[in-house]
Amino acid sequence: MQPTRRVFLKAGTGAVVASVLGFDVKTAYAQAQELKIAKTTETRSTCPYCSVSCGVIIHTIGDKAKNVTAQVVHVEGDPDHPINRGTLCPKGANTYQLVHNPHRVNHVMYRAPFSLKWERRPLDWAMKRIADLVKETRDRDFVERDKTGLVVNHVTTIAHLGGATLDNEENYLIKKLFSAGLGILPIENQARI
């Protein structure tokens, strides 16, 4: 068969074009599909970028030994998820880059007030610094009663913004800790913004 331009364009790409040109690529396609995620473990998760909370499937390879960390090899949309049904936006489709990106900062960077340079600091130092600043701010700005004498027990100079991937239970605990525990009023979640 002598393929015409019209038949070629109508066929598009793939096995149809290959058959028009006279060779069979079914085995090559089958092998290519199998190699990508053949021996991976599927873990369902949520895309971390926005408040839509699309479902993703993370494919990892590892022998599941106790002291072995599995390696992420592929991330794709979850076709069984009711929100996105397997589709992902460009950011979600590149979730793989969260793990495998040589430019990703994976340590604490600190820039002192009015400084022009960033310094690398240990995580323990950063956690202690955050705790100290929260305590210092709460002790300084805590309001027990308003101007009319009504008991308010709050702080308005600290805020909390939750991420889109927090579930209801985590949001409940955050609200209890920050409202009842620390008296912080400005508490918001990215999903409502």
N, C-alpha and C. Protein backbone atom coordinates (compact mmCIF):
# COMPACT_ATOMS: atom_id res chain seq x y z
N MET A 1 0.85 -1.19 0.00
CA MET A 1 0.00 0.00 0.00
C MET A 1 0.89 1.24 0.00
N GLN A 2 0.56 2.16 -0.87
CA GLN A 2 1.30 3.41 -0.96
C GLN A 2 0.54 4.47 -0.16
N PRO A 3 1.06 4.87 1.04
CA PRO A 3 0.30 5.82 1.86
C PRO A 3 0.32 7.22 1.24
N THR A 4 -0.84 7.85 1.28
CA THR A 4 -0.93 9.24 0.83
C THR A 4 -0.74 10.14 2.04
N ARG A 5 -0.52 11.41 1.78
CA ARG A 5 -0.36 12.37 2.88
C ARG A 5 -1.61 12.40 3.74
N ARG A 6 -2.77 12.33 3.10
CA ARG A 6 -4.05 12.36 3.82
C ARG A 6 -4.19 11.16 4.75
N VAL A 7 -3.86 9.96 4.29
CA VAL A 7 -3.94 8.76 5.11
C VAL A 7 -2.96 8.86 6.28
N PHE A 8 -1.78 9.37 6.00
CA PHE A 8 -0.76 9.51 7.04
C PHE A 8 -1.22 10.46 8.14
N LEU A 9 -1.73 11.65 7.76
CA LEU A 9 -2.19 12.62 8.75
C LEU A 9 -3.44 12.16 9.47
N LYS A 10 -4.32 11.46 8.77
CA LYS A 10 -5.54 10.95 9.38
C LYS A 10 -5.21 9.89 10.43
N ALA A 11 -4.18 9.11 10.16
CA ALA A 11 -3.78 8.06 11.09
C ALA A 11 -3.16 8.63 12.35
N GLY A 12 -2.52 9.79 12.27
CA GLY A 12 -1.88 10.37 13.45
C GLY A 12 -0.58 9.67 13.74
N THR A 13 -0.37 9.29 15.00
CA THR A 13 0.87 8.61 15.37
C THR A 13 0.55 7.25 15.93
N GLY A 14 1.54 6.46 16.18
CA GLY A 14 1.35 5.20 16.86
C GLY A 14 1.30 4.02 15.92
N ALA A 15 0.58 3.00 16.37
CA ALA A 15 0.56 1.72 15.67
C ALA A 15 -0.05 1.84 14.29
N VAL A 16 -1.03 2.76 14.10
CA VAL A 16 -1.67 2.90 12.79
C VAL A 16 -0.66 3.37 11.76
N VAL A 17 0.14 4.39 12.11
CA VAL A 17 1.17 4.89 11.19
C VAL A 17 2.18 3.79 10.91
N ALA A 18 2.56 3.06 11.95
CA ALA A 18 3.53 1.98 11.77
C ALA A 18 3.00 0.92 10.82
N SER A 19 1.71 0.60 10.95
CA SER A 19 1.16 -0.42 10.05
C SER A 19 1.06 0.11 8.63
N VAL A 20 0.76 1.40 8.47
CA VAL A 20 0.70 2.00 7.14
C VAL A 20 2.08 1.97 6.50
N LEU A 21 3.11 2.18 7.29
CA LEU A 21 4.48 2.18 6.77
C LEU A 21 5.03 0.78 6.62
N GLY A 22 4.32 -0.22 7.14
CA GLY A 22 4.71 -1.59 6.88
C GLY A 22 5.44 -2.33 7.98
N PHE A 23 5.46 -1.84 9.20
CA PHE A 23 6.07 -2.62 10.29
C PHE A 23 5.19 -2.58 11.53
N ASP A 24 5.40 -3.54 12.41
CA ASP A 24 4.56 -3.71 13.59
C ASP A 24 5.32 -3.28 14.84
N VAL A 25 4.73 -2.39 15.62
CA VAL A 25 5.41 -1.87 16.81
C VAL A 25 4.67 -2.24 18.09
N LYS A 26 3.77 -3.18 18.06
CA LYS A 26 2.98 -3.55 19.23
C LYS A 26 3.89 -4.02 20.39
N THR A 27 4.87 -4.85 20.07
CA THR A 27 5.75 -5.34 21.14
C THR A 27 6.59 -4.21 21.73
N ALA A 28 7.02 -3.28 20.90
CA ALA A 28 7.80 -2.14 21.41
C ALA A 28 6.94 -1.28 22.34
N TYR A 29 5.69 -1.01 21.96
CA TYR A 29 4.79 -0.24 22.81
C TYR A 29 4.52 -0.96 24.13
N ALA A 30 4.28 -2.25 24.06
CA ALA A 30 4.01 -3.02 25.26
C ALA A 30 5.19 -3.00 26.22
N GLN A 31 6.39 -3.15 25.69
CA GLN A 31 7.58 -3.14 26.54
C GLN A 31 7.81 -1.76 27.14
N ALA A 32 7.61 -0.70 26.35
CA ALA A 32 7.79 0.66 26.86
C ALA A 32 6.81 0.97 27.98
N GLN A 33 5.57 0.54 27.84
CA GLN A 33 4.57 0.78 28.87
C GLN A 33 4.91 0.02 30.15
N GLU A 34 5.42 -1.19 30.02
CA GLU A 34 5.73 -2.01 31.18
C GLU A 34 6.94 -1.48 31.94
N LEU A 35 7.94 -1.00 31.25
CA LEU A 35 9.19 -0.58 31.89
C LEU A 35 9.02 0.61 32.83
N LYS A 36 8.10 1.51 32.52
CA LYS A 36 7.99 2.75 33.27
C LYS A 36 7.68 2.53 34.76
N ILE A 37 6.70 1.72 35.05
CA ILE A 37 6.28 1.53 36.45
C ILE A 37 6.08 0.06 36.79
N ALA A 38 6.84 -0.82 36.14
CA ALA A 38 6.60 -2.25 36.26
C ALA A 38 6.69 -2.77 37.69
N LYS A 39 7.73 -2.45 38.42
CA LYS A 39 7.94 -3.04 39.74
C LYS A 39 7.87 -1.99 40.85
N THR A 40 6.98 -1.04 40.68
CA THR A 40 6.88 0.03 41.67
C THR A 40 5.76 -0.25 42.66
N THR A 41 5.83 0.45 43.78
CA THR A 41 4.76 0.42 44.77
C THR A 41 3.94 1.70 44.59
N GLU A 42 2.63 1.55 44.47
CA GLU A 42 1.76 2.71 44.30
C GLU A 42 1.30 3.22 45.66
N THR A 43 1.44 4.52 45.86
CA THR A 43 0.95 5.16 47.08
C THR A 43 0.06 6.32 46.66
N ARG A 44 -1.16 6.34 47.13
CA ARG A 44 -2.06 7.44 46.80
C ARG A 44 -1.83 8.60 47.76
N SER A 45 -1.85 9.81 47.22
CA SER A 45 -1.60 10.99 48.03
C SER A 45 -2.38 12.16 47.45
N THR A 46 -2.09 13.35 47.96
CA THR A 46 -2.75 14.57 47.53
C THR A 46 -1.71 15.54 47.01
N CYS A 47 -2.01 16.20 45.91
CA CYS A 47 -1.11 17.21 45.35
C CYS A 47 -0.92 18.33 46.36
N PRO A 48 0.31 18.79 46.60
CA PRO A 48 0.56 19.77 47.65
C PRO A 48 0.44 21.23 47.23
N TYR A 49 0.04 21.51 46.00
CA TYR A 49 0.18 22.89 45.52
C TYR A 49 -0.98 23.83 45.84
N CYS A 50 -2.20 23.44 45.61
CA CYS A 50 -3.29 24.40 45.83
C CYS A 50 -4.41 23.77 46.63
N SER A 51 -5.47 24.49 46.80
CA SER A 51 -6.56 24.01 47.65
C SER A 51 -7.53 23.09 46.93
N VAL A 52 -7.30 22.77 45.67
CA VAL A 52 -8.18 21.84 44.96
C VAL A 52 -8.01 20.43 45.52
N SER A 53 -6.80 20.08 45.95
CA SER A 53 -6.48 18.77 46.55
C SER A 53 -6.69 17.62 45.59
N CYS A 54 -6.09 17.70 44.42
CA CYS A 54 -6.17 16.63 43.44
C CYS A 54 -5.45 15.38 43.96
N GLY A 55 -5.96 14.23 43.55
CA GLY A 55 -5.36 12.96 43.93
C GLY A 55 -4.20 12.61 43.02
N VAL A 56 -3.11 12.12 43.59
CA VAL A 56 -1.95 11.68 42.82
C VAL A 56 -1.56 10.27 43.25
N ILE A 57 -0.92 9.56 42.34
CA ILE A 57 -0.35 8.26 42.65
C ILE A 57 1.16 8.42 42.56
N ILE A 58 1.84 8.08 43.64
CA ILE A 58 3.30 8.18 43.69
C ILE A 58 3.85 6.77 43.54
N HIS A 59 4.69 6.57 42.55
CA HIS A 59 5.30 5.27 42.30
C HIS A 59 6.71 5.28 42.88
N THR A 60 6.98 4.31 43.76
CA THR A 60 8.30 4.22 44.38
C THR A 60 8.90 2.84 44.15
N ILE A 61 10.23 2.82 44.14
CA ILE A 61 10.96 1.55 44.03
C ILE A 61 11.82 1.42 45.27
N GLY A 62 11.77 0.26 45.87
CA GLY A 62 12.57 -0.05 47.05
C GLY A 62 12.23 -1.47 47.47
N ASP A 63 13.14 -2.11 48.19
CA ASP A 63 12.89 -3.50 48.55
C ASP A 63 12.08 -3.65 49.83
N LYS A 64 11.57 -2.55 50.36
CA LYS A 64 10.71 -2.52 51.54
C LYS A 64 11.40 -3.05 52.80
N ALA A 65 12.72 -3.05 52.79
CA ALA A 65 13.46 -3.44 53.99
C ALA A 65 13.29 -2.35 55.04
N LYS A 66 13.52 -2.67 56.27
CA LYS A 66 13.25 -1.76 57.38
C LYS A 66 14.04 -0.45 57.30
N ASN A 67 15.30 -0.53 56.93
CA ASN A 67 16.15 0.67 56.92
C ASN A 67 16.40 1.22 55.53
N VAL A 68 15.56 0.89 54.58
CA VAL A 68 15.73 1.35 53.21
C VAL A 68 14.64 2.38 52.89
N THR A 69 15.05 3.51 52.32
CA THR A 69 14.10 4.52 51.90
C THR A 69 13.75 4.28 50.44
N ALA A 70 12.47 4.18 50.15
CA ALA A 70 12.04 3.98 48.77
C ALA A 70 12.31 5.23 47.95
N GLN A 71 12.62 5.04 46.68
CA GLN A 71 12.91 6.15 45.77
C GLN A 71 11.70 6.43 44.88
N VAL A 72 11.31 7.70 44.79
CA VAL A 72 10.20 8.09 43.92
C VAL A 72 10.70 8.05 42.48
N VAL A 73 9.96 7.33 41.62
CA VAL A 73 10.36 7.23 40.22
C VAL A 73 9.33 7.84 39.26
N HIS A 74 8.09 8.03 39.75
CA HIS A 74 7.06 8.57 38.87
C HIS A 74 5.89 9.07 39.70
N VAL A 75 5.27 10.16 39.25
CA VAL A 75 4.06 10.70 39.89
C VAL A 75 3.04 10.97 38.79
N GLU A 76 1.81 10.53 39.01
CA GLU A 76 0.76 10.74 38.01
C GLU A 76 -0.57 11.01 38.72
N GLY A 77 -1.53 11.52 37.97
CA GLY A 77 -2.86 11.77 38.51
C GLY A 77 -3.58 10.47 38.83
N ASP A 78 -4.41 10.49 39.85
CA ASP A 78 -5.16 9.32 40.28
C ASP A 78 -6.49 9.27 39.52
N PRO A 79 -6.66 8.30 38.62
CA PRO A 79 -7.91 8.25 37.85
C PRO A 79 -9.14 7.90 38.69
N ASP A 80 -8.95 7.35 39.89
CA ASP A 80 -10.07 7.00 40.76
C ASP A 80 -10.44 8.13 41.73
N HIS A 81 -9.70 9.24 41.69
CA HIS A 81 -9.97 10.34 42.62
C HIS A 81 -11.15 11.17 42.11
N PRO A 82 -12.14 11.46 42.97
CA PRO A 82 -13.34 12.16 42.50
C PRO A 82 -13.12 13.61 42.09
N ILE A 83 -12.03 14.23 42.53
CA ILE A 83 -11.83 15.64 42.19
C ILE A 83 -11.22 15.81 40.81
N ASN A 84 -10.10 15.15 40.56
CA ASN A 84 -9.40 15.38 39.29
C ASN A 84 -9.49 14.24 38.29
N ARG A 85 -9.93 13.06 38.73
CA ARG A 85 -10.11 11.90 37.86
C ARG A 85 -8.92 11.64 36.95
N GLY A 86 -7.73 11.78 37.53
CA GLY A 86 -6.51 11.45 36.80
C GLY A 86 -5.83 12.62 36.13
N THR A 87 -6.48 13.76 36.02
CA THR A 87 -5.85 14.91 35.38
C THR A 87 -5.08 15.72 36.42
N LEU A 88 -4.05 16.40 35.98
CA LEU A 88 -3.27 17.28 36.85
C LEU A 88 -2.92 18.55 36.09
N CYS A 89 -2.85 19.66 36.80
CA CYS A 89 -2.39 20.91 36.19
C CYS A 89 -0.87 20.81 35.98
N PRO A 90 -0.25 21.77 35.33
CA PRO A 90 1.20 21.70 35.11
C PRO A 90 2.02 21.59 36.40
N LYS A 91 1.58 22.29 37.44
CA LYS A 91 2.32 22.19 38.72
C LYS A 91 2.18 20.80 39.32
N GLY A 92 0.96 20.27 39.34
CA GLY A 92 0.74 18.94 39.88
C GLY A 92 1.45 17.86 39.07
N ALA A 93 1.49 18.04 37.75
CA ALA A 93 2.15 17.07 36.89
C ALA A 93 3.66 17.04 37.13
N ASN A 94 4.19 18.11 37.67
CA ASN A 94 5.62 18.18 37.96
C ASN A 94 5.94 17.95 39.43
N THR A 95 5.05 17.29 40.15
CA THR A 95 5.28 17.00 41.56
C THR A 95 6.54 16.17 41.76
N TYR A 96 6.89 15.39 40.78
CA TYR A 96 8.12 14.59 40.82
C TYR A 96 9.32 15.48 41.12
N GLN A 97 9.26 16.74 40.65
CA GLN A 97 10.37 17.68 40.87
C GLN A 97 10.55 18.07 42.34
N LEU A 98 9.53 17.85 43.16
CA LEU A 98 9.69 18.13 44.58
C LEU A 98 10.78 17.27 45.19
N VAL A 99 10.92 16.06 44.66
CA VAL A 99 11.88 15.11 45.20
C VAL A 99 13.19 15.17 44.43
N HIS A 100 13.10 15.21 43.12
CA HIS A 100 14.29 15.12 42.27
C HIS A 100 14.56 16.44 41.57
N ASN A 101 15.03 17.40 42.29
CA ASN A 101 15.39 18.69 41.71
C ASN A 101 16.68 19.16 42.36
N PRO A 102 17.75 19.30 41.60
CA PRO A 102 19.02 19.70 42.21
C PRO A 102 19.00 21.12 42.80
N HIS A 103 18.01 21.92 42.42
CA HIS A 103 17.93 23.30 42.93
C HIS A 103 17.06 23.43 44.17
N ARG A 104 16.43 22.33 44.59
CA ARG A 104 15.54 22.39 45.76
C ARG A 104 16.36 22.59 47.04
N VAL A 105 15.94 23.55 47.83
CA VAL A 105 16.60 23.80 49.11
C VAL A 105 16.03 22.80 50.12
N ASN A 106 16.88 21.97 50.70
CA ASN A 106 16.40 20.96 51.66
C ASN A 106 17.08 21.11 53.01
N HIS A 107 17.46 22.33 53.33
CA HIS A 107 18.02 22.64 54.64
C HIS A 107 17.55 24.03 55.04
N VAL A 108 17.70 24.36 56.30
CA VAL A 108 17.20 25.64 56.81
C VAL A 108 18.13 26.76 56.35
N MET A 109 17.52 27.78 55.76
CA MET A 109 18.27 28.99 55.38
C MET A 109 17.69 30.15 56.19
N TYR A 110 18.58 30.94 56.79
CA TYR A 110 18.16 32.03 57.67
C TYR A 110 18.81 33.32 57.20
N ARG A 111 18.00 34.37 57.16
CA ARG A 111 18.53 35.69 56.86
C ARG A 111 18.17 36.58 58.03
N ALA A 112 19.17 37.06 58.73
CA ALA A 112 18.95 37.92 59.89
C ALA A 112 18.30 39.24 59.45
N PRO A 113 17.58 39.90 60.35
CA PRO A 113 16.98 41.18 60.00
C PRO A 113 18.02 42.16 59.47
N PHE A 114 17.71 42.80 58.37
CA PHE A 114 18.54 43.80 57.69
C PHE A 114 19.81 43.22 57.07
N SER A 115 19.96 41.92 57.07
CA SER A 115 21.13 41.30 56.46
C SER A 115 20.89 41.12 54.96
N LEU A 116 21.96 41.08 54.20
CA LEU A 116 21.85 40.86 52.77
C LEU A 116 22.22 39.44 52.36
N LYS A 117 22.61 38.61 53.33
CA LYS A 117 23.02 37.25 52.96
C LYS A 117 22.26 36.21 53.78
N TRP A 118 22.11 35.05 53.17
CA TRP A 118 21.46 33.92 53.81
C TRP A 118 22.51 33.03 54.44
N GLU A 119 22.17 32.45 55.59
CA GLU A 119 23.08 31.55 56.29
C GLU A 119 22.40 30.19 56.46
N ARG A 120 23.19 29.15 56.37
CA ARG A 120 22.67 27.80 56.60
C ARG A 120 22.67 27.54 58.10
N ARG A 121 21.53 27.06 58.62
CA ARG A 121 21.40 26.80 60.06
C ARG A 121 20.84 25.40 60.28
N PRO A 122 21.11 24.80 61.46
CA PRO A 122 20.53 23.49 61.77
C PRO A 122 19.02 23.58 62.04
N LEU A 123 18.31 22.51 61.78
CA LEU A 123 16.86 22.47 61.98
C LEU A 123 16.51 22.69 63.45
N ASP A 124 17.27 22.11 64.37
CA ASP A 124 16.99 22.30 65.80
C ASP A 124 17.06 23.77 66.18
N TRP A 125 18.02 24.48 65.62
CA TRP A 125 18.15 25.92 65.90
C TRP A 125 16.91 26.65 65.39
N ALA A 126 16.44 26.33 64.18
CA ALA A 126 15.28 27.00 63.60
C ALA A 126 14.01 26.73 64.41
N MET A 127 13.81 25.49 64.84
CA MET A 127 12.62 25.16 65.62
C MET A 127 12.63 25.89 66.96
N LYS A 128 13.79 25.96 67.60
CA LYS A 128 13.89 26.68 68.87
C LYS A 128 13.66 28.17 68.66
N ARG A 129 14.18 28.71 67.58
CA ARG A 129 14.01 30.14 67.29
C ARG A 129 12.53 30.47 67.07
N ILE A 130 11.84 29.63 66.32
CA ILE A 130 10.40 29.86 66.09
C ILE A 130 9.64 29.79 67.40
N ALA A 131 9.92 28.79 68.22
CA ALA A 131 9.24 28.66 69.51
C ALA A 131 9.52 29.87 70.40
N ASP A 132 10.78 30.31 70.43
CA ASP A 132 11.13 31.48 71.24
C ASP A 132 10.42 32.74 70.77
N LEU A 133 10.34 32.94 69.45
CA LEU A 133 9.68 34.14 68.92
C LEU A 133 8.17 34.10 69.17
N VAL A 134 7.57 32.92 69.07
CA VAL A 134 6.13 32.81 69.36
C VAL A 134 5.87 33.13 70.83
N LYS A 135 6.68 32.56 71.71
CA LYS A 135 6.51 32.83 73.15
C LYS A 135 6.73 34.30 73.47
N GLU A 136 7.78 34.87 72.91
CA GLU A 136 8.10 36.28 73.17
C GLU A 136 6.96 37.18 72.68
N THR A 137 6.44 36.92 71.48
CA THR A 137 5.35 37.73 70.93
C THR A 137 4.07 37.55 71.73
N ARG A 138 3.77 36.32 72.11
CA ARG A 138 2.55 36.06 72.89
C ARG A 138 2.63 36.73 74.25
N ASP A 139 3.78 36.61 74.93
CA ASP A 139 3.93 37.25 76.24
C ASP A 139 3.80 38.77 76.14
N ARG A 140 4.33 39.35 75.05
CA ARG A 140 4.31 40.80 74.89
C ARG A 140 2.93 41.32 74.50
N ASP A 141 2.21 40.61 73.62
CA ASP A 141 0.99 41.15 73.01
C ASP A 141 -0.30 40.49 73.47
N PHE A 142 -0.24 39.60 74.44
CA PHE A 142 -1.44 38.92 74.90
C PHE A 142 -2.40 39.92 75.55
N VAL A 143 -3.65 39.87 75.12
CA VAL A 143 -4.68 40.76 75.66
C VAL A 143 -5.66 39.91 76.46
N GLU A 144 -5.73 40.18 77.77
CA GLU A 144 -6.63 39.41 78.62
C GLU A 144 -8.05 39.97 78.57
N ARG A 145 -8.16 41.31 78.62
CA ARG A 145 -9.48 41.96 78.59
C ARG A 145 -9.44 43.12 77.60
N ASP A 146 -10.58 43.37 76.95
CA ASP A 146 -10.64 44.51 76.05
C ASP A 146 -10.93 45.79 76.83
N LYS A 147 -11.13 46.90 76.14
CA LYS A 147 -11.31 48.20 76.79
C LYS A 147 -12.56 48.27 77.66
N THR A 148 -13.55 47.44 77.37
CA THR A 148 -14.79 47.46 78.15
C THR A 148 -14.74 46.50 79.34
N GLY A 149 -13.63 45.75 79.46
CA GLY A 149 -13.49 44.82 80.57
C GLY A 149 -13.91 43.39 80.24
N LEU A 150 -14.35 43.16 79.01
CA LEU A 150 -14.76 41.82 78.60
C LEU A 150 -13.52 40.93 78.44
N VAL A 151 -13.58 39.70 78.97
CA VAL A 151 -12.47 38.77 78.86
C VAL A 151 -12.36 38.29 77.41
N VAL A 152 -11.18 38.51 76.78
CA VAL A 152 -10.98 38.11 75.38
C VAL A 152 -9.85 37.08 75.23
N ASN A 153 -8.82 37.15 76.06
CA ASN A 153 -7.70 36.20 76.04
C ASN A 153 -7.23 35.88 74.62
N HIS A 154 -6.70 36.88 73.93
CA HIS A 154 -6.23 36.63 72.57
C HIS A 154 -4.96 37.39 72.22
N VAL A 155 -4.37 36.94 71.11
CA VAL A 155 -3.20 37.59 70.52
C VAL A 155 -3.53 37.80 69.05
N THR A 156 -3.35 39.02 68.56
CA THR A 156 -3.64 39.28 67.14
C THR A 156 -2.37 39.55 66.34
N THR A 157 -1.20 39.44 66.95
CA THR A 157 0.05 39.73 66.25
C THR A 157 0.75 38.48 65.74
N ILE A 158 0.13 37.33 65.90
CA ILE A 158 0.61 36.07 65.33
C ILE A 158 -0.53 35.50 64.52
N ALA A 159 -0.22 34.92 63.37
CA ALA A 159 -1.25 34.32 62.53
C ALA A 159 -0.81 32.92 62.11
N HIS A 160 -1.79 32.13 61.70
CA HIS A 160 -1.49 30.80 61.18
C HIS A 160 -2.22 30.62 59.86
N LEU A 161 -1.48 30.15 58.83
CA LEU A 161 -2.08 29.84 57.54
C LEU A 161 -1.82 28.38 57.25
N GLY A 162 -2.87 27.58 57.21
CA GLY A 162 -2.74 26.15 56.95
C GLY A 162 -2.62 25.86 55.47
N GLY A 163 -2.02 24.74 55.16
CA GLY A 163 -1.83 24.34 53.77
C GLY A 163 -3.03 23.58 53.23
N ALA A 164 -3.07 23.46 51.93
CA ALA A 164 -4.20 22.83 51.25
C ALA A 164 -4.26 21.33 51.49
N THR A 165 -3.14 20.72 51.84
CA THR A 165 -3.15 19.26 51.99
C THR A 165 -3.46 18.81 53.41
N LEU A 166 -3.76 19.72 54.30
CA LEU A 166 -4.15 19.33 55.66
C LEU A 166 -5.55 18.76 55.64
N ASP A 167 -5.74 17.67 56.35
CA ASP A 167 -7.09 17.10 56.41
C ASP A 167 -7.87 17.72 57.57
N ASN A 168 -9.14 17.34 57.71
CA ASN A 168 -10.01 17.93 58.73
C ASN A 168 -9.48 17.72 60.14
N GLU A 169 -8.92 16.53 60.40
CA GLU A 169 -8.41 16.25 61.74
C GLU A 169 -7.23 17.14 62.08
N GLU A 170 -6.32 17.31 61.12
CA GLU A 170 -5.17 18.19 61.35
C GLU A 170 -5.62 19.63 61.56
N ASN A 171 -6.56 20.09 60.74
CA ASN A 171 -7.08 21.45 60.90
C ASN A 171 -7.76 21.64 62.25
N TYR A 172 -8.46 20.63 62.72
CA TYR A 172 -9.12 20.69 64.02
C TYR A 172 -8.07 20.85 65.12
N LEU A 173 -7.01 20.04 65.07
CA LEU A 173 -5.96 20.12 66.09
C LEU A 173 -5.22 21.46 66.03
N ILE A 174 -4.98 21.95 64.83
CA ILE A 174 -4.31 23.26 64.69
C ILE A 174 -5.18 24.35 65.29
N LYS A 175 -6.46 24.31 64.99
CA LYS A 175 -7.39 25.32 65.53
C LYS A 175 -7.41 25.28 67.06
N LYS A 176 -7.44 24.06 67.64
CA LYS A 176 -7.43 23.94 69.10
C LYS A 176 -6.12 24.46 69.68
N LEU A 177 -4.99 24.09 69.10
CA LEU A 177 -3.69 24.52 69.61
C LEU A 177 -3.54 26.03 69.53
N PHE A 178 -3.82 26.60 68.37
CA PHE A 178 -3.57 28.02 68.17
C PHE A 178 -4.64 28.90 68.81
N SER A 179 -5.89 28.46 68.81
CA SER A 179 -6.95 29.27 69.43
C SER A 179 -6.99 29.09 70.94
N ALA A 180 -7.28 27.88 71.37
CA ALA A 180 -7.45 27.62 72.80
C ALA A 180 -6.11 27.62 73.53
N GLY A 181 -5.08 27.05 72.92
CA GLY A 181 -3.79 26.94 73.60
C GLY A 181 -3.01 28.25 73.65
N LEU A 182 -2.95 28.95 72.50
CA LEU A 182 -2.13 30.16 72.43
C LEU A 182 -2.95 31.44 72.36
N GLY A 183 -4.22 31.35 72.08
CA GLY A 183 -5.06 32.55 72.01
C GLY A 183 -4.91 33.32 70.71
N ILE A 184 -4.42 32.67 69.68
CA ILE A 184 -4.21 33.35 68.40
C ILE A 184 -5.53 33.44 67.65
N LEU A 185 -5.87 34.63 67.19
CA LEU A 185 -7.14 34.83 66.47
C LEU A 185 -7.02 34.63 64.96
N PRO A 186 -6.02 35.24 64.29
CA PRO A 186 -5.99 35.10 62.83
C PRO A 186 -5.53 33.71 62.39
N ILE A 187 -6.49 32.81 62.19
CA ILE A 187 -6.21 31.46 61.74
C ILE A 187 -7.00 31.25 60.45
N GLU A 188 -6.29 30.87 59.42
CA GLU A 188 -6.92 30.70 58.11
C GLU A 188 -6.34 29.47 57.44
N ASN A 189 -7.02 29.01 56.42
CA ASN A 189 -6.55 27.87 55.65
C ASN A 189 -6.55 28.24 54.18
N GLN A 190 -5.56 27.76 53.47
CA GLN A 190 -5.42 28.07 52.06
C GLN A 190 -6.63 27.65 51.25
N ALA A 191 -7.31 26.60 51.70
CA ALA A 191 -8.47 26.10 50.98
C ALA A 191 -9.62 27.10 50.94
N ARG A 192 -9.65 28.05 51.85
CA ARG A 192 -10.73 29.04 51.89
C ARG A 192 -10.36 30.34 51.20
N ILE A 193 -9.11 30.49 50.82
CA ILE A 193 -8.66 31.78 50.24
C ILE A 193 -8.92 31.81 48.77
